[in-house]
Structure formats: structure tokens, C-alpha cells
Amino acid sequence: MYITQGQRADIKGAVALAGSLPPIKYLLADKAYDAGHFRGFLMNRNIEPVIPSTATRKIKIPHDEKRYKNRNVVERMFGRLKDWRRVATRYDKLARNFFAALCLASLLCFWI
């Protein structure tokens, strides 16, 4: 379990979590994860990043658009979790309480 502060950039948590990934071939992410250090970290682990380039990148890095379309499955899952007000606004001050609410919401979303 790794929960960051709400105002912290997602890519900082992604680097910490990617270190514990099982062997995978591809990592799908949105433009927020388009950073040279993150791409380098993935390539050192023989993981192909499927990340579109940001609009500010001068030289666009190609990505597999066919694979990238599958990212919507993850986006829909987060959308369903955000229907739970407690999870979306993170009322809980303690990470363990937030994680418990997240687990409960996940269980109910995907059980029903």
C-alpha cells in the first residue's frame, strides 16, 4: 500500500510503485506520466511505456495507440470509485482509514 498526499503529483508515487511491479511488457499511462526519468526507469526494467507525449514536448515520442485505447478500462474503474463521495474528497485524515474506505467502495462497486 502506498498512499500519497492529495496535492502531490501522481508521478512521484508512480516511480515508487513501479519498483514493485511484477515482470510486465507494457505500462499504460496518460500524459501526466510523460517524463524522461520515468520513461528511463521503465526502459531500464525492459518495460515499454505506452504514454503519449505532452503538448509541450518538442520531439514527440511515438506510442502504441492501439494499446493506449485499453487504458479506458482503468479510467472507468476510477470513475466508479469517485462516485463514492468519501473516496473522491478524501475526508479521512489517516491513510489507513482512507484505504479502508477505498477497499469497501471497491468491494461494493465490483460486487454489485
Protein backbone atom coordinates (compact mmCIF):
# COMPACT_ATOMS: atom_id res chain seq x y z
CA MET A 1 0.00 0.00 0.00
CA TYR A 2 1.32 3.41 -0.96
CA ILE A 3 -0.86 6.49 -0.44
CA THR A 4 0.49 9.96 -1.15
CA GLN A 5 -0.83 13.32 -0.08
CA GLY A 6 -3.74 14.59 -2.14
CA GLN A 7 -1.88 17.62 -3.51
CA ARG A 8 1.21 15.64 -4.53
CA ALA A 9 1.89 14.85 -8.21
CA ASP A 10 0.89 11.32 -9.22
CA ILE A 11 4.17 10.64 -11.00
CA LYS A 12 6.09 10.77 -7.70
CA GLY A 13 4.02 7.89 -6.36
CA ALA A 14 4.23 6.06 -9.69
CA VAL A 15 8.00 5.82 -9.52
CA ALA A 16 7.78 4.26 -6.05
CA LEU A 17 5.08 1.81 -7.11
CA ALA A 18 6.69 0.84 -10.41
CA GLY A 19 9.68 -0.52 -8.50
CA SER A 20 7.50 -3.30 -7.10
CA LEU A 21 5.79 -4.27 -10.36
CA PRO A 22 5.87 -7.91 -11.41
CA PRO A 23 7.50 -8.63 -14.78
CA ILE A 24 5.36 -6.88 -17.41
CA LYS A 25 5.89 -5.86 -21.04
CA TYR A 26 3.90 -2.61 -21.22
CA LEU A 27 2.83 0.18 -18.89
CA LEU A 28 -0.13 2.31 -19.99
CA ALA A 29 -0.37 5.82 -18.58
CA ASP A 30 -1.72 9.22 -19.55
CA LYS A 31 0.21 12.37 -20.48
CA ALA A 32 0.82 13.28 -16.84
CA TYR A 33 3.41 10.48 -16.70
CA ASP A 34 5.39 11.74 -19.72
CA ALA A 35 8.69 12.44 -18.01
CA GLY A 36 12.12 11.41 -19.18
CA HIS A 37 13.16 9.98 -15.81
CA PHE A 38 10.03 7.82 -15.60
CA ARG A 39 10.40 6.58 -19.18
CA GLY A 40 14.07 5.79 -18.49
CA PHE A 41 13.17 3.93 -15.31
CA LEU A 42 10.67 1.79 -17.22
CA MET A 43 13.03 1.09 -20.10
CA ASN A 44 15.78 0.01 -17.67
CA ARG A 45 13.32 -2.61 -16.40
CA ASN A 46 12.51 -3.71 -20.00
CA ILE A 47 9.00 -2.25 -19.79
CA GLU A 48 7.72 -0.45 -22.87
CA PRO A 49 5.99 2.80 -21.85
CA VAL A 50 2.70 3.38 -23.67
CA ILE A 51 2.48 7.05 -22.78
CA PRO A 52 1.51 9.83 -25.22
CA SER A 53 3.76 12.88 -25.33
CA THR A 54 2.67 16.11 -23.71
CA ALA A 55 1.88 19.09 -25.92
CA THR A 56 4.98 20.91 -24.63
CA ARG A 57 7.40 18.18 -25.73
CA LYS A 58 9.35 19.44 -28.76
CA ILE A 59 10.14 16.00 -30.18
CA LYS A 60 7.11 13.74 -29.85
CA ILE A 61 7.78 10.20 -28.65
CA PRO A 62 5.65 7.65 -30.52
CA HIS A 63 3.43 5.29 -28.56
CA ASP A 64 1.26 2.30 -29.43
CA GLU A 65 -2.16 3.90 -29.96
CA LYS A 66 -3.91 0.54 -30.21
CA ARG A 67 -2.69 -0.48 -26.75
CA TYR A 68 -3.35 3.00 -25.37
CA LYS A 69 -7.07 2.66 -26.13
CA ASN A 70 -7.28 -0.07 -23.48
CA ARG A 71 -6.45 2.49 -20.77
CA ASN A 72 -10.12 3.49 -20.63
CA VAL A 73 -10.83 0.36 -18.54
CA VAL A 74 -8.74 1.80 -15.72
CA GLU A 75 -10.27 5.26 -16.14
CA ARG A 76 -13.79 3.81 -15.85
CA MET A 77 -12.78 1.99 -12.65
CA PHE A 78 -11.54 5.23 -11.08
CA GLY A 79 -14.71 6.98 -12.26
CA ARG A 80 -16.84 4.44 -10.42
CA LEU A 81 -14.77 4.80 -7.26
CA LYS A 82 -15.15 8.58 -7.39
CA ASP A 83 -18.93 8.13 -7.18
CA TRP A 84 -18.24 7.46 -3.51
CA ARG A 85 -18.01 10.94 -2.02
CA ARG A 86 -15.84 9.83 0.87
CA VAL A 87 -13.25 8.41 -1.55
CA ALA A 88 -13.42 11.29 -4.06
CA THR A 89 -12.90 14.02 -1.46
CA ARG A 90 -10.68 12.02 0.90
CA TYR A 91 -12.33 13.09 4.14
CA ASP A 92 -10.20 10.72 6.20
CA LYS A 93 -7.08 12.20 7.75
CA LEU A 94 -5.39 8.86 8.35
CA ALA A 95 -4.14 6.82 5.39
CA ARG A 96 -5.39 3.56 6.93
CA ASN A 97 -8.95 4.92 7.23
CA PHE A 98 -8.88 6.20 3.64
CA PHE A 99 -7.55 2.84 2.45
CA ALA A 100 -10.32 1.03 4.35
CA ALA A 101 -12.96 3.27 2.72
CA LEU A 102 -11.36 2.66 -0.67
CA CYS A 103 -11.41 -1.10 -0.15
CA LEU A 104 -15.06 -1.02 0.94
CA ALA A 105 -16.07 1.13 -2.04
CA SER A 106 -14.13 -1.17 -4.40
CA LEU A 107 -15.79 -4.23 -2.96
CA LEU A 108 -19.27 -2.79 -3.31
CA CYS A 109 -18.69 -1.30 -6.78
CA PHE A 110 -17.50 -4.53 -8.29
CA TRP A 111 -19.66 -6.93 -6.33
CA ILE A 112 -22.92 -5.27 -7.32
